[in-house]
Amino acid sequence: MQRIKKGDTVEVIAGKDLGDRGEVVTVILRENRVVVDGVNVMKKHQKAQQAGRQQVQSQILEFNGPIHLSNVMLVCPSCEKATRVGYRFKEDGTKTRFCKKCNSDIK
């Protein structure tokens, strides 16, 4: 079970975007990275191209770059604080995540 999943709200704890919060858009498991909405915004300059008869204008694209998992911390939905994640088993045998600060379950 992953500590951080797609759709979770996380807070950046290291790097240039320190303190920013956002929702996880993508989790890249092989590289231990996550893409967070509004964090680590990068720019890519794209040349003008000829596509058949149409010409695509040159432009500057902005996109969210990936950030390492160790630089983000999950924000608990109930206490609204950045917290560590713990695991526990319920009576029916399912494994769930829980907040180590307020001891409540995380969806």
Protein backbone atom coordinates (compact mmCIF):
# COMPACT_ATOMS: atom_id res chain seq x y z
CA MET A 1 0.00 0.00 0.00
CA GLN A 2 1.30 3.42 -0.94
CA ARG A 3 1.68 6.27 1.51
CA ILE A 4 0.68 8.87 -1.08
CA LYS A 5 -1.95 8.21 -3.73
CA LYS A 6 -3.50 10.08 -6.64
CA GLY A 7 -6.01 12.63 -5.34
CA ASP A 8 -4.34 13.14 -1.95
CA THR A 9 -3.52 16.64 -0.73
CA VAL A 10 0.18 17.04 0.05
CA GLU A 11 2.46 19.76 1.38
CA VAL A 12 5.98 20.38 0.07
CA ILE A 13 8.52 20.12 2.92
CA ALA A 14 11.74 20.78 0.96
CA GLY A 15 12.87 22.64 -2.15
CA LYS A 16 11.93 25.85 -3.92
CA ASP A 17 8.18 25.37 -3.35
CA LEU A 18 8.51 24.86 0.42
CA GLY A 19 5.15 25.16 2.21
CA ASP A 20 2.98 24.93 -0.91
CA ARG A 21 -0.01 22.58 -0.90
CA GLY A 22 -1.64 20.85 -3.83
CA GLU A 23 -3.42 17.74 -5.05
CA VAL A 24 -1.47 14.77 -6.42
CA VAL A 25 -2.13 14.41 -10.15
CA THR A 26 0.16 11.45 -10.90
CA VAL A 27 2.33 9.02 -8.93
CA ILE A 28 5.42 7.71 -10.76
CA LEU A 29 6.31 4.58 -8.79
CA ARG A 30 9.47 3.57 -10.66
CA GLU A 31 11.14 6.92 -10.03
CA ASN A 32 9.62 7.59 -6.56
CA ARG A 33 8.15 10.87 -7.77
CA VAL A 34 4.78 12.62 -7.74
CA VAL A 35 3.29 15.36 -9.88
CA VAL A 36 1.46 17.91 -7.72
CA ASP A 37 -0.94 20.47 -9.18
CA GLY A 38 0.53 24.00 -8.97
CA VAL A 39 3.91 22.88 -7.58
CA ASN A 40 7.24 22.78 -9.48
CA VAL A 41 5.83 24.64 -12.48
CA MET A 42 8.25 24.37 -15.40
CA LYS A 43 8.37 26.06 -18.80
CA LYS A 44 9.14 24.48 -22.16
CA HIS A 45 9.88 26.59 -25.23
CA GLN A 46 8.39 25.06 -28.37
CA LYS A 47 9.49 26.01 -31.88
CA ALA A 48 7.09 26.88 -34.67
CA GLN A 49 6.40 23.83 -36.85
CA GLN A 50 4.93 23.19 -40.27
CA ALA A 51 2.21 20.51 -40.03
CA GLY A 52 0.98 20.00 -43.60
CA ARG A 53 -0.62 23.24 -44.72
CA GLN A 54 -1.10 24.51 -41.19
CA GLN A 55 1.63 26.16 -39.23
CA VAL A 56 1.81 25.70 -35.45
CA GLN A 57 2.88 28.88 -33.67
CA SER A 58 5.87 28.94 -31.36
CA GLN A 59 4.84 29.04 -27.73
CA ILE A 60 5.96 28.68 -24.15
CA LEU A 61 4.21 25.77 -22.44
CA GLU A 62 3.86 25.62 -18.66
CA PHE A 63 3.49 22.24 -16.95
CA ASN A 64 3.87 20.67 -13.51
CA GLY A 65 7.15 18.83 -13.17
CA PRO A 66 7.61 15.78 -10.94
CA ILE A 67 8.92 16.14 -7.39
CA HIS A 68 10.55 13.44 -5.26
CA LEU A 69 8.33 11.60 -2.76
CA SER A 70 10.65 12.45 0.13
CA ASN A 71 9.99 16.16 -0.42
CA VAL A 72 6.23 15.95 0.15
CA MET A 73 4.13 15.08 3.19
CA LEU A 74 0.49 14.01 3.28
CA VAL A 75 -2.03 16.49 4.70
CA CYS A 76 -4.60 14.84 6.97
CA PRO A 77 -8.17 15.61 5.84
CA SER A 78 -9.50 15.81 9.41
CA CYS A 79 -6.84 17.84 11.26
CA GLU A 80 -5.48 19.75 8.19
CA LYS A 81 -1.84 19.22 9.24
CA ALA A 82 1.08 17.66 7.37
CA THR A 83 1.52 14.25 8.96
CA ARG A 84 3.23 10.91 8.73
CA VAL A 85 1.18 7.96 7.56
CA GLY A 86 0.66 4.77 9.54
CA TYR A 87 -1.10 1.53 8.64
CA ARG A 88 -3.53 -0.63 10.56
CA PHE A 89 -5.84 -3.52 9.87
CA LYS A 90 -9.57 -3.26 10.50
CA GLU A 91 -11.74 -6.06 11.91
CA ASP A 92 -12.78 -7.15 8.41
CA GLY A 93 -9.09 -7.61 7.44
CA THR A 94 -8.65 -4.55 5.21
CA LYS A 95 -5.52 -2.43 5.52
CA THR A 96 -6.05 1.33 5.92
CA ARG A 97 -3.90 4.42 6.30
CA PHE A 98 -4.18 6.61 9.38
CA CYS A 99 -2.89 9.98 10.58
CA LYS A 100 -0.18 9.71 13.23
CA LYS A 101 -1.13 13.11 14.72
CA CYS A 102 -4.89 12.79 15.25
CA ASN A 103 -5.15 8.98 14.91
CA SER A 104 -8.04 9.18 12.37
CA ASP A 105 -8.40 7.05 9.25
CA ILE A 106 -7.44 8.49 5.87
CA LYS A 107 -9.95 7.45 3.19
